[in-house]
Structure formats: structure tokens, C-alpha cells
């Protein structure tokens, strides 16, 4: 792993080489990842990273404030649901199975008392993922139906699952996939992503015609984009 220094801080970064033409810098789960052509030398990569130190630092700071920041799933931690902040509270009681409830700004998880001394991080994460998925089933269905009536378009199939680097995608076979992590953001942002993918049913690109089609149905779509970039 290589490093770059900025403002008395040492920032590590990982390099992945591939058959591409340009060098790309991204922040993935709070880590700096460089994707570069297979023939690029270490010195060339280091020079580019050095020139982007300020941008990298800014993006790392933004990630720390992002709803998608890697979580510890600890009591008192803050999570975002449909654009609103919720505090995670973990309790242990004499029950057989764990349960989750979300209300009044709190996500309450109750686990069996016998697990009180165990590391329950993965168990709590699984419960939280299930919560987001269940919310997505309802919210995406509502957004899909609204967008279908609005545009007169409809995919042949759609599903919901966790995606690593995109909020949604539309294939040439007219199948739309929506990222369940989108449920961290507002309904406006959810409706924008659904509309974005619906518009790909007509334009399988990001041409001027595509963006004009998006704007036709959501004139303030850039507000949703700004929210999703935070």
C-alpha cells in the first residue's frame, strides 16, 4: 500500500491496475483506491495522487459525514432512514429471538439476554440490513408506480439489493435494480433514482436527450443528485 502526505497527515491508498486508458481516484468505504492502466508506473501514479491531495482529503472528510460511512453498529450510533436521523439503541432481555422497532427517532434492537457478553456486530448489521430492505420493498414499489403513471414506461422486471458503487441500474433487457442503501436518503432522492433508471428504458445513455427527459418529469432533479453526493 502506497501513501501520500497532506497537512501533516499520511493518507494510504491502494492501486488496482486494469486494461483502461485513464487513471481514476475514488473513495471506497473510507479508503482511497486508484484504478490505473496496467502500464502505469508507481512514480506516475504517485505524481497524480500528489496533485490531487487536497481533493482526496476533502472527499475523505465528506465520507466521514456520509450516511454510508462504515458503521460500528454500536449503541448510540446514528443512522439515516428516508433522510431522517435515528439513534440506535440496543437492549438485552430474557427473550428467545431478537427484534427491531423503528419509531420516534430511534431504532430499538432487543437481543436475547444470553447474548449480552457476545460480539453481536454482525447480528445487528444483519437486522439493520433487513430493515432497510423491508423499507425499500415499500418505498421502491410506491416510486415505481408513481413513475410508471408519470412517464408511461415500465421495466419488464425490477429488484432490490445492495449495490457497491451505483444507486440503480437498468439493463438492455429492461431490468431495473435499485440499491437498498438508497433508503438512507429522502423520498425525493429515491424517486429521482427510480425516474433516472426509467428514463434509461428510452435512452440507454447519458445524452442530452436523456437528461432533458429526466428534467421533463423532475425539474429539480439536481437537488436530489446533490443530496446523494453528500
C-alpha atoms as a PDB file:
ATOM      1  CA  UNK A   1       0.000   0.000   0.000  1.00  0.00           C
ATOM      2  CA  UNK A   2       1.366   3.424  -1.003  1.00  0.00           C
ATOM      3  CA  UNK A   3       0.987   6.707   0.878  1.00  0.00           C
ATOM      4  CA  UNK A   4       0.700  10.442   0.324  1.00  0.00           C
ATOM      5  CA  UNK A   5       1.143  13.236   2.885  1.00  0.00           C
ATOM      6  CA  UNK A   6      -1.126  16.271   3.239  1.00  0.00           C
ATOM      7  CA  UNK A   7      -1.465  18.756   6.122  1.00  0.00           C
ATOM      8  CA  UNK A   8       0.706  16.617   8.414  1.00  0.00           C
ATOM      9  CA  UNK A   9      -1.465  13.581   7.689  1.00  0.00           C
ATOM     10  CA  UNK A  10      -0.395  10.382   5.971  1.00  0.00           C
ATOM     11  CA  UNK A  11      -3.058   9.028   3.628  1.00  0.00           C
ATOM     12  CA  UNK A  12      -2.668   5.422   2.428  1.00  0.00           C
ATOM     13  CA  UNK A  13      -4.024   4.364  -0.938  1.00  0.00           C
ATOM     14  CA  UNK A  14      -4.453   1.128  -2.859  1.00  0.00           C
ATOM     15  CA  UNK A  15      -3.679   0.709  -6.571  1.00  0.00           C
ATOM     16  CA  UNK A  16      -5.642  -1.606  -8.853  1.00  0.00           C
ATOM     17  CA  UNK A  17      -4.408  -1.970 -12.439  1.00  0.00           C
ATOM     18  CA  UNK A  18      -6.625  -2.865 -15.378  1.00  0.00           C
ATOM     19  CA  UNK A  19      -6.964  -2.581 -19.158  1.00  0.00           C
ATOM     20  CA  UNK A  20      -8.155   1.035 -19.117  1.00  0.00           C
ATOM     21  CA  UNK A  21      -6.892   4.290 -20.622  1.00  0.00           C
ATOM     22  CA  UNK A  22      -7.115   6.743 -17.720  1.00  0.00           C
ATOM     23  CA  UNK A  23      -6.361   6.897 -14.002  1.00  0.00           C
ATOM     24  CA  UNK A  24      -9.336   7.115 -11.637  1.00  0.00           C
ATOM     25  CA  UNK A  25      -9.331   8.058  -7.950  1.00  0.00           C
ATOM     26  CA  UNK A  26     -12.243   7.047  -5.718  1.00  0.00           C
ATOM     27  CA  UNK A  27     -13.149   6.738  -2.056  1.00  0.00           C
ATOM     28  CA  UNK A  28     -14.488   3.251  -1.278  1.00  0.00           C
ATOM     29  CA  UNK A  29     -15.648   2.515   2.267  1.00  0.00           C
ATOM     30  CA  UNK A  30     -13.413   5.306   3.553  1.00  0.00           C
ATOM     31  CA  UNK A  31     -10.329   4.131   1.684  1.00  0.00           C
ATOM     32  CA  UNK A  32      -8.549   5.755  -1.267  1.00  0.00           C
ATOM     33  CA  UNK A  33      -8.478   3.473  -4.308  1.00  0.00           C
ATOM     34  CA  UNK A  34      -6.581   4.228  -7.511  1.00  0.00           C
ATOM     35  CA  UNK A  35      -7.523   2.446 -10.726  1.00  0.00           C
ATOM     36  CA  UNK A  36      -4.834   2.805 -13.374  1.00  0.00           C
ATOM     37  CA  UNK A  37      -3.788   1.385 -16.772  1.00  0.00           C
ATOM     38  CA  UNK A  38      -1.657  -1.730 -16.416  1.00  0.00           C
ATOM     39  CA  UNK A  39       1.406   0.014 -17.887  1.00  0.00           C
ATOM     40  CA  UNK A  40       1.395   2.991 -15.475  1.00  0.00           C
ATOM     41  CA  UNK A  41       4.493   3.240 -13.258  1.00  0.00           C
ATOM     42  CA  UNK A  42       4.401   3.763  -9.498  1.00  0.00           C
ATOM     43  CA  UNK A  43       6.055   7.177  -9.917  1.00  0.00           C
ATOM     44  CA  UNK A  44       3.408   8.312 -12.405  1.00  0.00           C
ATOM     45  CA  UNK A  45       0.622   7.249 -10.048  1.00  0.00           C
ATOM     46  CA  UNK A  46       2.316   8.948  -7.098  1.00  0.00           C
ATOM     47  CA  UNK A  47       2.626  12.211  -9.043  1.00  0.00           C
ATOM     48  CA  UNK A  48      -1.090  12.215  -9.866  1.00  0.00           C
ATOM     49  CA  UNK A  49      -2.058  11.366  -6.288  1.00  0.00           C
ATOM     50  CA  UNK A  50       0.210  14.161  -5.016  1.00  0.00           C
ATOM     51  CA  UNK A  51      -1.533  16.630  -7.354  1.00  0.00           C
ATOM     52  CA  UNK A  52      -4.939  15.518  -6.012  1.00  0.00           C
ATOM     53  CA  UNK A  53      -4.080  15.586  -2.296  1.00  0.00           C
ATOM     54  CA  UNK A  54      -6.476  18.411  -1.447  1.00  0.00           C
ATOM     55  CA  UNK A  55      -9.356  16.776  -3.362  1.00  0.00           C
ATOM     56  CA  UNK A  56      -8.679  13.400  -1.705  1.00  0.00           C
ATOM     57  CA  UNK A  57      -8.679  14.967   1.769  1.00  0.00           C
ATOM     58  CA  UNK A  58     -11.948  16.782   1.045  1.00  0.00           C
ATOM     59  CA  UNK A  59     -13.634  13.571  -0.150  1.00  0.00           C
ATOM     60  CA  UNK A  60     -12.414  11.631   2.894  1.00  0.00           C
ATOM     61  CA  UNK A  61     -13.882  14.315   5.159  1.00  0.00           C
ATOM     62  CA  UNK A  62     -17.187  14.147   3.257  1.00  0.00           C
ATOM     63  CA  UNK A  63     -17.238  10.372   3.679  1.00  0.00           C
ATOM     64  CA  UNK A  64     -16.914  10.717   7.453  1.00  0.00           C
ATOM     65  CA  UNK A  65     -20.182  12.698   7.435  1.00  0.00           C
ATOM     66  CA  UNK A  66     -21.919  10.466   4.891  1.00  0.00           C
ATOM     67  CA  UNK A  67     -24.883   8.216   5.766  1.00  0.00           C
ATOM     68  CA  UNK A  68     -22.974   5.417   4.023  1.00  0.00           C
ATOM     69  CA  UNK A  69     -19.954   5.701   6.310  1.00  0.00           C
ATOM     70  CA  UNK A  70     -18.872   2.309   7.632  1.00  0.00           C
ATOM     71  CA  UNK A  71     -20.716   1.726  10.899  1.00  0.00           C
ATOM     72  CA  UNK A  72     -19.756   0.013  14.152  1.00  0.00           C
ATOM     73  CA  UNK A  73     -23.390  -0.933  14.903  1.00  0.00           C
ATOM     74  CA  UNK A  74     -22.924   0.212  18.476  1.00  0.00           C
ATOM     75  CA  UNK A  75     -25.437   1.570  20.962  1.00  0.00           C
ATOM     76  CA  UNK A  76     -25.934   5.315  20.476  1.00  0.00           C
ATOM     77  CA  UNK A  77     -24.701   5.370  16.875  1.00  0.00           C
ATOM     78  CA  UNK A  78     -26.656   7.474  14.378  1.00  0.00           C
ATOM     79  CA  UNK A  79     -28.225   6.053  11.227  1.00  0.00           C
ATOM     80  CA  UNK A  80     -30.219   7.730   8.493  1.00  0.00           C
ATOM     81  CA  UNK A  81     -33.594   6.443   7.274  1.00  0.00           C
ATOM     82  CA  UNK A  82     -35.535   8.210   4.499  1.00  0.00           C
ATOM     83  CA  UNK A  83     -33.423  11.300   5.049  1.00  0.00           C
ATOM     84  CA  UNK A  84     -34.040  11.482   8.813  1.00  0.00           C
ATOM     85  CA  UNK A  85     -31.541  10.705  11.581  1.00  0.00           C
ATOM     86  CA  UNK A  86     -32.240   7.855  14.005  1.00  0.00           C
ATOM     87  CA  UNK A  87     -30.304   6.770  17.092  1.00  0.00           C
ATOM     88  CA  UNK A  88     -29.573   3.063  17.501  1.00  0.00           C
ATOM     89  CA  UNK A  89     -30.433   1.711  20.961  1.00  0.00           C
ATOM     90  CA  UNK A  90     -29.512  -1.865  21.874  1.00  0.00           C
ATOM     91  CA  UNK A  91     -31.197  -3.709  24.738  1.00  0.00           C
ATOM     92  CA  UNK A  92     -30.938  -7.204  26.177  1.00  0.00           C
ATOM     93  CA  UNK A  93     -33.942  -9.019  27.606  1.00  0.00           C
ATOM     94  CA  UNK A  94     -35.000 -12.525  28.522  1.00  0.00           C
ATOM     95  CA  UNK A  95     -36.441 -13.359  25.086  1.00  0.00           C
ATOM     96  CA  UNK A  96     -35.843 -16.157  22.587  1.00  0.00           C
ATOM     97  CA  UNK A  97     -35.334 -14.110  19.395  1.00  0.00           C
ATOM     98  CA  UNK A  98     -34.098 -10.620  18.598  1.00  0.00           C
ATOM     99  CA  UNK A  99     -36.462  -7.926  17.381  1.00  0.00           C
ATOM    100  CA  UNK A 100     -36.220  -4.454  15.869  1.00  0.00           C
ATOM    101  CA  UNK A 101     -38.530  -1.455  16.105  1.00  0.00           C
ATOM    102  CA  UNK A 102     -38.181   1.959  14.486  1.00  0.00           C
ATOM    103  CA  UNK A 103     -40.109   4.951  15.867  1.00  0.00           C
ATOM    104  CA  UNK A 104     -39.717   8.486  17.240  1.00  0.00           C
ATOM    105  CA  UNK A 105     -36.160   8.982  16.051  1.00  0.00           C
ATOM    106  CA  UNK A 106     -34.896   5.689  17.480  1.00  0.00           C
ATOM    107  CA  UNK A 107     -34.061   2.261  16.093  1.00  0.00           C
ATOM    108  CA  UNK A 108     -34.504  -0.110  19.007  1.00  0.00           C
ATOM    109  CA  UNK A 109     -32.962  -3.571  18.805  1.00  0.00           C
ATOM    110  CA  UNK A 110     -33.700  -6.069  21.554  1.00  0.00           C
ATOM    111  CA  UNK A 111     -31.496  -9.158  21.739  1.00  0.00           C
ATOM    112  CA  UNK A 112     -31.710 -12.273  23.953  1.00  0.00           C
ATOM    113  CA  UNK A 113     -30.080 -11.806  27.350  1.00  0.00           C
ATOM    114  CA  UNK A 114     -27.777 -14.781  26.736  1.00  0.00           C
ATOM    115  CA  UNK A 115     -26.030 -12.728  24.018  1.00  0.00           C
ATOM    116  CA  UNK A 116     -25.191  -9.801  26.305  1.00  0.00           C
ATOM    117  CA  UNK A 117     -21.498 -10.709  26.562  1.00  0.00           C
ATOM    118  CA  UNK A 118     -21.090 -11.703  22.891  1.00  0.00           C
ATOM    119  CA  UNK A 119     -19.888  -9.667  19.904  1.00  0.00           C
ATOM    120  CA  UNK A 120     -23.202  -9.005  18.175  1.00  0.00           C
ATOM    121  CA  UNK A 121     -21.935  -6.679  15.438  1.00  0.00           C
ATOM    122  CA  UNK A 122     -22.787  -8.994  12.534  1.00  0.00           C
ATOM    123  CA  UNK A 123     -26.141  -9.944  14.077  1.00  0.00           C
ATOM    124  CA  UNK A 124     -27.128  -6.283  14.479  1.00  0.00           C
ATOM    125  CA  UNK A 125     -25.846  -5.430  10.994  1.00  0.00           C
ATOM    126  CA  UNK A 126     -27.971  -8.231   9.542  1.00  0.00           C
ATOM    127  CA  UNK A 127     -31.055  -6.901  11.351  1.00  0.00           C
ATOM    128  CA  UNK A 128     -30.369  -3.377  10.085  1.00  0.00           C
ATOM    129  CA  UNK A 129     -29.883  -4.601   6.513  1.00  0.00           C
ATOM    130  CA  UNK A 130     -33.189  -6.457   6.737  1.00  0.00           C
ATOM    131  CA  UNK A 131     -34.838  -3.253   7.994  1.00  0.00           C
ATOM    132  CA  UNK A 132     -33.546  -1.237   5.024  1.00  0.00           C
ATOM    133  CA  UNK A 133     -34.636  -3.988   2.632  1.00  0.00           C
ATOM    134  CA  UNK A 134     -38.159  -4.072   4.058  1.00  0.00           C
ATOM    135  CA  UNK A 135     -38.402  -0.275   3.815  1.00  0.00           C
ATOM    136  CA  UNK A 136     -37.119  -0.490   0.240  1.00  0.00           C
ATOM    137  CA  UNK A 137     -39.798  -3.002  -0.720  1.00  0.00           C
ATOM    138  CA  UNK A 138     -42.465  -0.459   0.219  1.00  0.00           C
ATOM    139  CA  UNK A 139     -40.795   2.751  -0.941  1.00  0.00           C
ATOM    140  CA  UNK A 140     -39.484   1.469  -4.275  1.00  0.00           C
ATOM    141  CA  UNK A 141     -42.871  -0.016  -5.148  1.00  0.00           C
ATOM    142  CA  UNK A 142     -44.523   3.357  -4.464  1.00  0.00           C
ATOM    143  CA  UNK A 143     -41.884   5.215  -6.507  1.00  0.00           C
ATOM    144  CA  UNK A 144     -42.145   2.692  -9.341  1.00  0.00           C
ATOM    145  CA  UNK A 145     -45.921   3.041  -9.566  1.00  0.00           C
ATOM    146  CA  UNK A 146     -45.739   6.835  -9.424  1.00  0.00           C
ATOM    147  CA  UNK A 147     -43.079   6.930 -12.148  1.00  0.00           C
ATOM    148  CA  UNK A 148     -44.930   4.434 -14.338  1.00  0.00           C
ATOM    149  CA  UNK A 149     -48.035   6.638 -14.301  1.00  0.00           C
ATOM    150  CA  UNK A 150     -45.926   9.752 -14.871  1.00  0.00           C
ATOM    151  CA  UNK A 151     -43.872   8.513 -17.826  1.00  0.00           C
ATOM    152  CA  UNK A 152     -45.977   5.740 -19.317  1.00  0.00           C
ATOM    153  CA  UNK A 153     -42.903   3.495 -19.152  1.00  0.00           C
ATOM    154  CA  UNK A 154     -42.317   0.310 -17.175  1.00  0.00           C
ATOM    155  CA  UNK A 155     -39.472  -2.209 -16.808  1.00  0.00           C
ATOM    156  CA  UNK A 156     -40.028  -5.867 -17.585  1.00  0.00           C
ATOM    157  CA  UNK A 157     -38.630  -6.677 -14.155  1.00  0.00           C
ATOM    158  CA  UNK A 158     -37.145  -4.910 -11.148  1.00  0.00           C
ATOM    159  CA  UNK A 159     -35.444  -5.965  -7.943  1.00  0.00           C
ATOM    160  CA  UNK A 160     -33.820  -4.511  -4.844  1.00  0.00           C
ATOM    161  CA  UNK A 161     -30.407  -5.401  -3.491  1.00  0.00           C
ATOM    162  CA  UNK A 162     -27.198  -3.907  -2.145  1.00  0.00           C
ATOM    163  CA  UNK A 163     -25.016  -2.433  -4.901  1.00  0.00           C
ATOM    164  CA  UNK A 164     -21.417  -1.379  -4.335  1.00  0.00           C
ATOM    165  CA  UNK A 165     -20.978   1.713  -6.472  1.00  0.00           C
ATOM    166  CA  UNK A 166     -24.303   2.800  -8.016  1.00  0.00           C
ATOM    167  CA  UNK A 167     -27.749   3.732  -6.714  1.00  0.00           C
ATOM    168  CA  UNK A 168     -29.514   1.911  -9.518  1.00  0.00           C
ATOM    169  CA  UNK A 169     -29.007   0.319 -12.898  1.00  0.00           C
ATOM    170  CA  UNK A 170     -31.031  -0.559 -15.982  1.00  0.00           C
ATOM    171  CA  UNK A 171     -30.033  -3.316 -18.401  1.00  0.00           C
ATOM    172  CA  UNK A 172     -30.712  -3.645 -22.109  1.00  0.00           C
ATOM    173  CA  UNK A 173     -33.161  -6.424 -21.194  1.00  0.00           C
ATOM    174  CA  UNK A 174     -35.274  -3.758 -19.430  1.00  0.00           C
ATOM    175  CA  UNK A 175     -34.480  -4.927 -15.921  1.00  0.00           C
ATOM    176  CA  UNK A 176     -34.058  -2.276 -13.228  1.00  0.00           C
ATOM    177  CA  UNK A 177     -32.169  -2.814  -9.969  1.00  0.00           C
ATOM    178  CA  UNK A 178     -32.375  -0.355  -7.063  1.00  0.00           C
ATOM    179  CA  UNK A 179     -29.787  -0.188  -4.263  1.00  0.00           C
ATOM    180  CA  UNK A 180     -31.434  -0.802  -0.882  1.00  0.00           C
ATOM    181  CA  UNK A 181     -28.957   1.630   0.738  1.00  0.00           C
ATOM    182  CA  UNK A 182     -30.872   4.351  -1.092  1.00  0.00           C
ATOM    183  CA  UNK A 183     -33.377   4.092   1.785  1.00  0.00           C
ATOM    184  CA  UNK A 184     -30.970   6.193   3.842  1.00  0.00           C
ATOM    185  CA  UNK A 185     -31.975   9.171   1.718  1.00  0.00           C
ATOM    186  CA  UNK A 186     -35.165  11.175   1.209  1.00  0.00           C
ATOM    187  CA  UNK A 187     -38.167  10.031  -0.799  1.00  0.00           C
ATOM    188  CA  UNK A 188     -37.308  12.729  -3.327  1.00  0.00           C
ATOM    189  CA  UNK A 189     -33.891  11.109  -3.839  1.00  0.00           C
ATOM    190  CA  UNK A 190     -35.495   7.656  -4.130  1.00  0.00           C
ATOM    191  CA  UNK A 191     -37.987   8.899  -6.720  1.00  0.00           C
ATOM    192  CA  UNK A 192     -35.157  10.543  -8.647  1.00  0.00           C
ATOM    193  CA  UNK A 193     -33.129   7.321  -8.882  1.00  0.00           C
ATOM    194  CA  UNK A 194     -36.201   5.369  -9.974  1.00  0.00           C
ATOM    195  CA  UNK A 195     -37.011   8.027 -12.588  1.00  0.00           C
ATOM    196  CA  UNK A 196     -33.369   8.039 -13.745  1.00  0.00           C
ATOM    197  CA  UNK A 197     -33.498   4.287 -14.398  1.00  0.00           C
ATOM    198  CA  UNK A 198     -36.922   4.540 -16.071  1.00  0.00           C
ATOM    199  CA  UNK A 199     -35.503   7.124 -18.467  1.00  0.00           C
ATOM    200  CA  UNK A 200     -32.840   4.586 -19.440  1.00  0.00           C
ATOM    201  CA  UNK A 201     -35.670   2.441 -20.789  1.00  0.00           C
ATOM    202  CA  UNK A 202     -35.892   5.043 -23.550  1.00  0.00           C
ATOM    203  CA  UNK A 203     -32.277   6.259 -23.703  1.00  0.00           C
ATOM    204  CA  UNK A 204     -29.565   3.744 -22.763  1.00  0.00           C
ATOM    205  CA  UNK A 205     -27.016   6.529 -22.339  1.00  0.00           C
ATOM    206  CA  UNK A 206     -26.497   9.888 -20.633  1.00  0.00           C
ATOM    207  CA  UNK A 207     -27.025  12.019 -23.729  1.00  0.00           C
ATOM    208  CA  UNK A 208     -28.607  15.478 -23.809  1.00  0.00           C
ATOM    209  CA  UNK A 209     -31.876  13.814 -24.779  1.00  0.00           C
ATOM    210  CA  UNK A 210     -31.666  11.589 -21.715  1.00  0.00           C
ATOM    211  CA  UNK A 211     -31.155  14.475 -19.289  1.00  0.00           C
ATOM    212  CA  UNK A 212     -33.869  16.520 -20.989  1.00  0.00           C
ATOM    213  CA  UNK A 213     -36.207  13.549 -20.483  1.00  0.00           C
ATOM    214  CA  UNK A 214     -35.294  13.372 -16.772  1.00  0.00           C
ATOM    215  CA  UNK A 215     -35.801  17.119 -16.338  1.00  0.00           C
ATOM    216  CA  UNK A 216     -39.170  16.950 -18.091  1.00  0.00           C
ATOM    217  CA  UNK A 217     -40.539  14.843 -15.229  1.00  0.00           C
ATOM    218  CA  UNK A 218     -38.395  16.192 -12.376  1.00  0.00           C
ATOM    219  CA  UNK A 219     -37.209  19.778 -12.977  1.00  0.00           C
ATOM    220  CA  UNK A 220     -35.370  19.828  -9.604  1.00  0.00           C
ATOM    221  CA  UNK A 221     -33.540  16.507 -10.101  1.00  0.00           C
ATOM    222  CA  UNK A 222     -30.195  18.202  -9.429  1.00  0.00           C
ATOM    223  CA  UNK A 223     -31.271  18.785  -5.821  1.00  0.00           C
ATOM    224  CA  UNK A 224     -31.639  15.014  -5.439  1.00  0.00           C
ATOM    225  CA  UNK A 225     -28.230  14.478  -7.048  1.00  0.00           C
ATOM    226  CA  UNK A 226     -26.635  16.879  -4.569  1.00  0.00           C
ATOM    227  CA  UNK A 227     -28.247  15.009  -1.679  1.00  0.00           C
ATOM    228  CA  UNK A 228     -26.919  11.682  -2.926  1.00  0.00           C
ATOM    229  CA  UNK A 229     -23.400  13.065  -3.309  1.00  0.00           C
ATOM    230  CA  UNK A 230     -23.171  14.105   0.350  1.00  0.00           C
END
